[in-house]
Protein backbone atom coordinates (compact mmCIF):
# COMPACT_ATOMS: atom_id res chain seq x y z
CA UNK A 1 -103.59 70.66 8.79
CA UNK A 2 -102.58 70.41 12.42
CA UNK A 3 -102.95 72.95 15.17
CA UNK A 4 -99.59 74.83 15.29
CA UNK A 5 -100.09 75.72 18.96
CA UNK A 6 -100.78 72.20 20.24
CA UNK A 7 -98.59 71.27 23.21
CA UNK A 8 -97.63 67.89 24.57
CA UNK A 9 -96.56 67.60 28.21
CA UNK A 10 -92.74 67.75 28.21
CA UNK A 11 -90.86 66.49 31.25
CA UNK A 12 -89.08 69.82 31.85
CA UNK A 13 -90.19 73.37 31.11
CA UNK A 14 -92.50 74.34 28.27
CA UNK A 15 -91.99 73.22 24.67
CA UNK A 16 -94.08 74.32 21.71
CA UNK A 17 -94.90 71.57 19.21
CA UNK A 18 -95.22 72.82 15.64
CA UNK A 19 -97.42 70.95 13.18
CA UNK A 20 -97.36 73.63 10.50
CA UNK A 21 -94.26 75.74 9.89
CA UNK A 22 -94.76 79.41 9.18
CA UNK A 23 -92.15 81.55 7.48
CA UNK A 24 -91.43 83.13 10.87
CA UNK A 25 -90.91 79.66 12.43
CA UNK A 26 -88.45 78.62 9.72
CA UNK A 27 -86.58 81.93 9.95
CA UNK A 28 -86.23 81.53 13.71
CA UNK A 29 -85.03 77.94 13.39
CA UNK A 30 -82.60 78.86 10.60
CA UNK A 31 -81.09 81.65 12.73
CA UNK A 32 -80.51 79.20 15.59
CA UNK A 33 -78.92 76.53 13.38
CA UNK A 34 -76.76 79.08 11.56
CA UNK A 35 -75.47 80.29 14.91
CA UNK A 36 -74.69 76.73 16.01
CA UNK A 37 -72.98 75.90 12.71
CA UNK A 38 -70.85 79.05 12.88
CA UNK A 39 -69.76 78.15 16.41
CA UNK A 40 -69.15 74.42 15.87
CA UNK A 41 -68.59 73.94 12.14
CA UNK A 42 -71.35 71.31 12.09
CA UNK A 43 -74.85 71.78 10.66
CA UNK A 44 -77.32 70.34 13.21
CA UNK A 45 -79.88 69.29 10.58
CA UNK A 46 -79.76 67.48 7.27
CA UNK A 47 -81.84 68.24 4.21
CA UNK A 48 -84.76 66.05 5.32
CA UNK A 49 -85.57 68.49 8.11
CA UNK A 50 -85.61 71.57 5.89
CA UNK A 51 -87.60 69.82 3.18
CA UNK A 52 -90.12 68.69 5.78
CA UNK A 53 -90.61 72.23 7.09
CA UNK A 54 -91.61 73.38 3.61
CA UNK A 55 -93.73 70.34 2.74
CA UNK A 56 -97.47 70.70 2.38
CA UNK A 57 -98.20 67.26 3.85
CA UNK A 58 -97.75 68.40 7.44
CA UNK A 59 -96.23 65.08 8.58
CA UNK A 60 -93.11 66.54 10.23
CA UNK A 61 -93.14 67.93 13.76
CA UNK A 62 -90.98 70.61 15.34
CA UNK A 63 -90.32 71.12 19.05
CA UNK A 64 -89.21 74.60 20.01
CA UNK A 65 -88.10 75.50 23.53
CA UNK A 66 -89.68 78.69 24.87
CA UNK A 67 -86.18 80.11 25.30
CA UNK A 68 -85.65 79.89 21.53
CA UNK A 69 -82.21 78.41 22.27
CA UNK A 70 -83.10 74.80 21.46
CA UNK A 71 -85.09 73.05 18.75
CA UNK A 72 -85.76 69.43 17.80
CA UNK A 73 -87.07 68.25 14.44
CA UNK A 74 -88.99 65.04 13.83
CA UNK A 75 -89.01 64.12 10.14
CA UNK A 76 -91.73 61.65 9.20
CA UNK A 77 -91.25 60.94 5.50
CA UNK A 78 -91.85 57.19 5.73
CA UNK A 79 -94.57 55.24 7.58
CA UNK A 80 -93.51 53.83 10.95
CA UNK A 81 -90.16 55.65 10.72
CA UNK A 82 -89.25 58.94 12.38
CA UNK A 83 -85.92 60.76 12.23
CA UNK A 84 -84.93 63.03 15.13
CA UNK A 85 -82.31 65.80 15.11
CA UNK A 86 -81.67 68.29 17.92
CA UNK A 87 -80.07 71.73 17.92
CA UNK A 88 -79.08 73.32 21.25
CA UNK A 89 -77.27 76.66 21.37
CA UNK A 90 -75.24 75.88 24.51
CA UNK A 91 -73.07 72.78 24.21
CA UNK A 92 -73.38 72.25 27.94
CA UNK A 93 -77.19 72.41 28.03
CA UNK A 94 -77.68 68.70 28.74
CA UNK A 95 -80.97 69.23 30.59
CA UNK A 96 -82.48 71.18 27.69
CA UNK A 97 -81.37 68.55 25.18
CA UNK A 98 -82.76 65.72 27.32
CA UNK A 99 -86.08 67.56 27.72
CA UNK A 100 -86.40 68.02 23.95
CA UNK A 101 -85.65 64.36 23.28
CA UNK A 102 -88.18 63.22 25.88
CA UNK A 103 -90.82 65.56 24.46
CA UNK A 104 -90.12 64.32 20.93
CA UNK A 105 -90.67 60.74 22.05
CA UNK A 106 -93.96 61.79 23.64
CA UNK A 107 -95.02 63.26 20.29
CA UNK A 108 -94.17 60.03 18.45
CA UNK A 109 -96.09 57.98 21.03
CA UNK A 110 -99.11 60.28 20.67
CA UNK A 111 -99.02 59.83 16.90
CA UNK A 112 -99.19 56.02 16.80
CA UNK A 113 -95.56 55.33 17.70
CA UNK A 114 -92.87 53.89 15.45
CA UNK A 115 -89.12 53.51 15.12
CA UNK A 116 -87.14 56.67 15.89
CA UNK A 117 -83.66 57.25 14.49
CA UNK A 118 -81.83 59.92 16.46
CA UNK A 119 -79.06 61.42 14.34
CA UNK A 120 -76.12 63.10 16.03
CA UNK A 121 -73.73 64.92 13.72
CA UNK A 122 -70.06 64.91 14.77
CA UNK A 123 -71.04 62.95 17.86
CA UNK A 124 -69.23 63.49 21.16
CA UNK A 125 -69.18 61.38 24.32
CA UNK A 126 -71.71 63.80 25.86
CA UNK A 127 -74.02 63.33 22.88
CA UNK A 128 -73.76 59.55 23.17
CA UNK A 129 -74.60 59.73 26.87
CA UNK A 130 -77.65 61.89 26.16
CA UNK A 131 -78.96 59.37 23.63
CA UNK A 132 -78.46 56.46 25.99
CA UNK A 133 -80.18 58.29 28.88
CA UNK A 134 -83.26 58.49 26.66
CA UNK A 135 -83.17 54.74 26.00
CA UNK A 136 -81.59 54.77 22.53
CA UNK A 137 -79.03 52.23 21.37
CA UNK A 138 -76.38 52.77 18.69
CA UNK A 139 -77.50 51.40 15.31
CA UNK A 140 -75.24 52.96 12.67
CA UNK A 141 -72.20 55.14 12.17
CA UNK A 142 -71.89 57.47 9.20
CA UNK A 143 -68.45 58.61 8.11
CA UNK A 144 -67.83 61.98 6.50
CA UNK A 145 -64.81 61.48 4.20
CA UNK A 146 -62.86 64.11 2.28
CA UNK A 147 -60.37 64.15 -0.58
CA UNK A 148 -58.27 66.87 -2.28
CA UNK A 149 -59.40 67.81 -5.81
CA UNK A 150 -58.79 67.29 -8.62
CA UNK A 151 -58.12 63.57 -8.65
CA UNK A 152 -55.21 62.37 -10.74
CA UNK A 153 -57.26 59.97 -12.90
CA UNK A 154 -60.32 60.72 -15.06
CA UNK A 155 -63.45 58.51 -14.95
CA UNK A 156 -63.25 55.26 -16.91
CA UNK A 157 -66.74 54.23 -18.00
CA UNK A 158 -67.75 50.61 -18.66
CA UNK A 159 -68.36 49.80 -22.30
CA UNK A 160 -71.68 51.02 -23.64
CA UNK A 161 -72.30 53.60 -20.90
CA UNK A 162 -73.06 57.23 -21.77
CA UNK A 163 -73.46 60.13 -19.36
CA UNK A 164 -75.51 63.32 -19.35
CA UNK A 165 -76.91 65.76 -16.76
CA UNK A 166 -80.30 65.27 -15.12
CA UNK A 167 -83.22 67.00 -16.85
CA UNK A 168 -85.89 68.30 -14.42
CA UNK A 169 -89.36 67.34 -15.50
CA UNK A 170 -88.13 64.31 -17.47
CA UNK A 171 -85.86 62.12 -15.35
CA UNK A 172 -87.55 62.00 -11.94
CA UNK A 173 -89.43 58.70 -12.29
CA UNK A 174 -86.49 56.79 -13.78
CA UNK A 175 -84.09 58.14 -11.15
CA UNK A 176 -86.38 57.21 -8.25
CA UNK A 177 -86.83 53.68 -9.60
CA UNK A 178 -83.10 53.01 -10.01
CA UNK A 179 -82.11 54.76 -6.76
CA UNK A 180 -84.62 52.76 -4.73
CA UNK A 181 -83.38 49.49 -6.27
CA UNK A 182 -79.80 50.48 -5.48
CA UNK A 183 -80.70 51.22 -1.84
CA UNK A 184 -83.38 48.58 -1.24
CA UNK A 185 -83.81 48.18 2.51
CA UNK A 186 -81.87 51.33 3.38
CA UNK A 187 -83.81 53.24 6.08
CA UNK A 188 -83.47 56.69 4.47
CA UNK A 189 -82.08 56.40 0.97
CA UNK A 190 -84.20 53.52 -0.31
CA UNK A 191 -87.66 55.07 -0.18
CA UNK A 192 -87.50 58.21 -2.30
CA UNK A 193 -90.59 59.40 -4.14
CA UNK A 194 -90.91 61.68 -7.15
CA UNK A 195 -92.43 64.28 -4.82
CA UNK A 196 -89.40 64.17 -2.52
CA UNK A 197 -87.05 64.58 -5.47
CA UNK A 198 -89.04 67.52 -6.83
CA UNK A 199 -88.88 69.14 -3.40
CA UNK A 200 -85.08 68.91 -3.50
CA UNK A 201 -85.12 70.49 -6.95
CA UNK A 202 -86.63 73.61 -5.35
CA UNK A 203 -83.74 74.00 -2.91
CA UNK A 204 -81.44 76.96 -3.70
CA UNK A 205 -78.39 74.68 -3.89
CA UNK A 206 -79.84 72.35 -6.54
CA UNK A 207 -77.90 72.36 -9.81
CA UNK A 208 -78.99 69.89 -12.49
CA UNK A 209 -75.64 70.31 -14.27
CA UNK A 210 -73.94 68.54 -11.36
CA UNK A 211 -76.49 65.70 -11.27
CA UNK A 212 -74.97 63.10 -13.60
CA UNK A 213 -76.96 60.20 -15.05
CA UNK A 214 -75.35 57.10 -16.59
CA UNK A 215 -77.24 55.20 -19.30
CA UNK A 216 -76.80 51.87 -21.06
CA UNK A 217 -78.80 50.47 -23.95
CA UNK A 218 -81.62 49.41 -21.60
CA UNK A 219 -81.93 52.77 -19.82
CA UNK A 220 -80.70 54.47 -16.66
CA UNK A 221 -78.15 52.39 -14.73
CA UNK A 222 -76.71 54.82 -12.18
CA UNK A 223 -76.24 58.39 -11.07
CA UNK A 224 -74.00 60.76 -9.14
CA UNK A 225 -75.74 63.80 -7.65
CA UNK A 226 -73.44 66.52 -6.31
CA UNK A 227 -74.00 69.43 -3.97
CA UNK A 228 -71.86 72.52 -3.39
CA UNK A 229 -71.50 73.89 0.15
CA UNK A 230 -70.38 77.56 0.31
CA UNK A 231 -67.61 78.48 2.78
CA UNK A 232 -68.62 78.82 6.44
CA UNK A 233 -65.80 80.86 7.94
CA UNK A 234 -63.95 80.48 10.20
CA UNK A 235 -64.37 76.70 10.62
CA UNK A 236 -65.04 75.88 6.96
CA UNK A 237 -63.15 78.55 5.00
CA UNK A 238 -63.18 76.54 1.74
CA UNK A 239 -66.04 75.55 -0.55
CA UNK A 240 -66.91 71.86 -0.20
CA UNK A 241 -68.09 69.73 -3.10
CA UNK A 242 -70.25 66.84 -1.90
CA UNK A 243 -71.13 63.56 -3.57
CA UNK A 244 -74.69 63.93 -2.31
CA UNK A 245 -76.36 60.75 -3.61
CA UNK A 246 -74.61 58.09 -5.67
CA UNK A 247 -75.91 54.72 -6.74
CA UNK A 248 -75.73 52.05 -9.41
CA UNK A 249 -78.46 49.63 -10.40
CA UNK A 250 -77.78 46.28 -8.64
CA UNK A 251 -77.55 44.57 -12.04
CA UNK A 252 -74.50 46.74 -12.83
CA UNK A 253 -72.58 46.36 -9.62
CA UNK A 254 -69.08 44.91 -9.82
CA UNK A 255 -68.40 46.39 -13.27
CA UNK A 256 -66.60 49.57 -12.24
CA UNK A 257 -69.65 51.82 -12.63
CA UNK A 258 -69.57 53.01 -9.00
CA UNK A 259 -65.95 54.11 -9.26
CA UNK A 260 -66.61 55.85 -12.58
CA UNK A 261 -69.64 57.67 -11.16
CA UNK A 262 -67.63 58.82 -8.13
CA UNK A 263 -64.70 60.10 -10.17
CA UNK A 264 -67.05 61.79 -12.66
CA UNK A 265 -68.87 63.64 -9.88
CA UNK A 266 -65.59 64.73 -8.32
CA UNK A 267 -64.30 65.83 -11.75
CA UNK A 268 -67.40 67.98 -12.25
CA UNK A 269 -66.86 69.57 -8.84
CA UNK A 270 -63.17 70.21 -9.60
CA UNK A 271 -64.19 71.88 -12.88
CA UNK A 272 -66.15 74.38 -10.76
CA UNK A 273 -62.91 75.35 -9.01
CA UNK A 274 -63.63 73.30 -5.88
CA UNK A 275 -60.56 71.83 -4.20
CA UNK A 276 -62.14 69.65 -1.48
CA UNK A 277 -64.45 66.72 -2.21
CA UNK A 278 -66.67 65.24 0.50
CA UNK A 279 -69.19 62.45 0.97
CA UNK A 280 -70.96 60.44 3.65
CA UNK A 281 -70.80 56.65 3.78
CA UNK A 282 -72.10 54.06 6.21
CA UNK A 283 -69.16 52.76 8.24
CA UNK A 284 -70.48 49.21 7.81
CA UNK A 285 -70.29 49.44 4.00
CA UNK A 286 -66.78 48.00 3.75
CA UNK A 287 -66.71 47.87 -0.05
CA UNK A 288 -67.65 51.53 -0.41
CA UNK A 289 -65.21 52.65 2.30
CA UNK A 290 -62.39 50.74 0.59
CA UNK A 291 -63.26 52.30 -2.77
CA UNK A 292 -63.22 55.81 -1.35
CA UNK A 293 -59.96 55.18 0.51
CA UNK A 294 -58.43 53.94 -2.76
CA UNK A 295 -59.43 57.27 -4.35
CA UNK A 296 -57.66 59.17 -1.56
CA UNK A 297 -60.52 59.92 0.82
CA UNK A 298 -59.84 60.08 4.56
CA UNK A 299 -62.28 60.20 7.48
CA UNK A 300 -63.04 63.75 8.64
CA UNK A 301 -65.79 63.10 11.20
CA UNK A 302 -68.25 60.47 12.40
CA UNK A 303 -72.02 60.89 12.77
CA UNK A 304 -74.04 58.37 14.76
CA UNK A 305 -77.58 57.06 14.43
CA UNK A 306 -79.23 55.79 17.60
CA UNK A 307 -82.48 53.85 17.43
CA UNK A 308 -85.49 53.33 19.66
CA UNK A 309 -88.92 51.81 19.02
CA UNK A 310 -91.66 53.88 20.65
CA UNK A 311 -95.00 52.33 21.49
CA UNK A 312 -98.21 54.21 20.79
CA UNK A 313 -99.81 55.98 23.73
CA UNK A 314 -102.80 54.22 25.21
């Protein structure tokens, strides 16, 4: 396990680099991100960050400003790939954000380097400028799309397909295999492990009843995993029902399975009394965007992923 008090030389001020996350660390970080989400309506971190804080592997790194008003998380779930997210209490604190980003890149360099994806949720012009000052270039855009529920039409399954909920302790290996085939080459979604899935199963929001698996005669062919987001007044006064992960085996694509999985997940969410469906989709995935638009989804916000390859320190 790493030394939780180790410091790297940041360019501005003093920043504590966390290798191991204590309960007190996570509570402090959660309080900061909850405050930011309440003020902006946008959660600064995705699930990878929170899973990494609880993981026993110790691969993730956290960078906490001494002020306690800013925090950056470096997720390191895949070799040679880091994911960076930053939370700053003051929207105008450009210097503090820049210092955290620079310090995070120093950490990556000190730990053999690699490709860094800097995620900015609900990106603004100021966020874009901050990323570019650090040397990042835009690589991807992620659309958050929403649709009123319930949909007018029920799911229409291809012939021979049956559906049931995920069973913890039984379905992990099959799901990981099919998901990783469906997202082969995807920088985040295509490299799940059974351990990562089991870690998600421990999250308080996990509900196996809303994790739908589609089977054909030869086994699992697709899935739609949903997630319920409680209201976050005043900016998000309604419960959101998310299509969290959805994928079909490549051998089944073009047969209507993706549309059926999407509508089935949204129908399950509507049955829980949820009136707003939501999902994230890569803006470059034209086929998926067209499908979701045909179901009534519209773009609610855009997240951006900036990339930078960091050389190892010498």
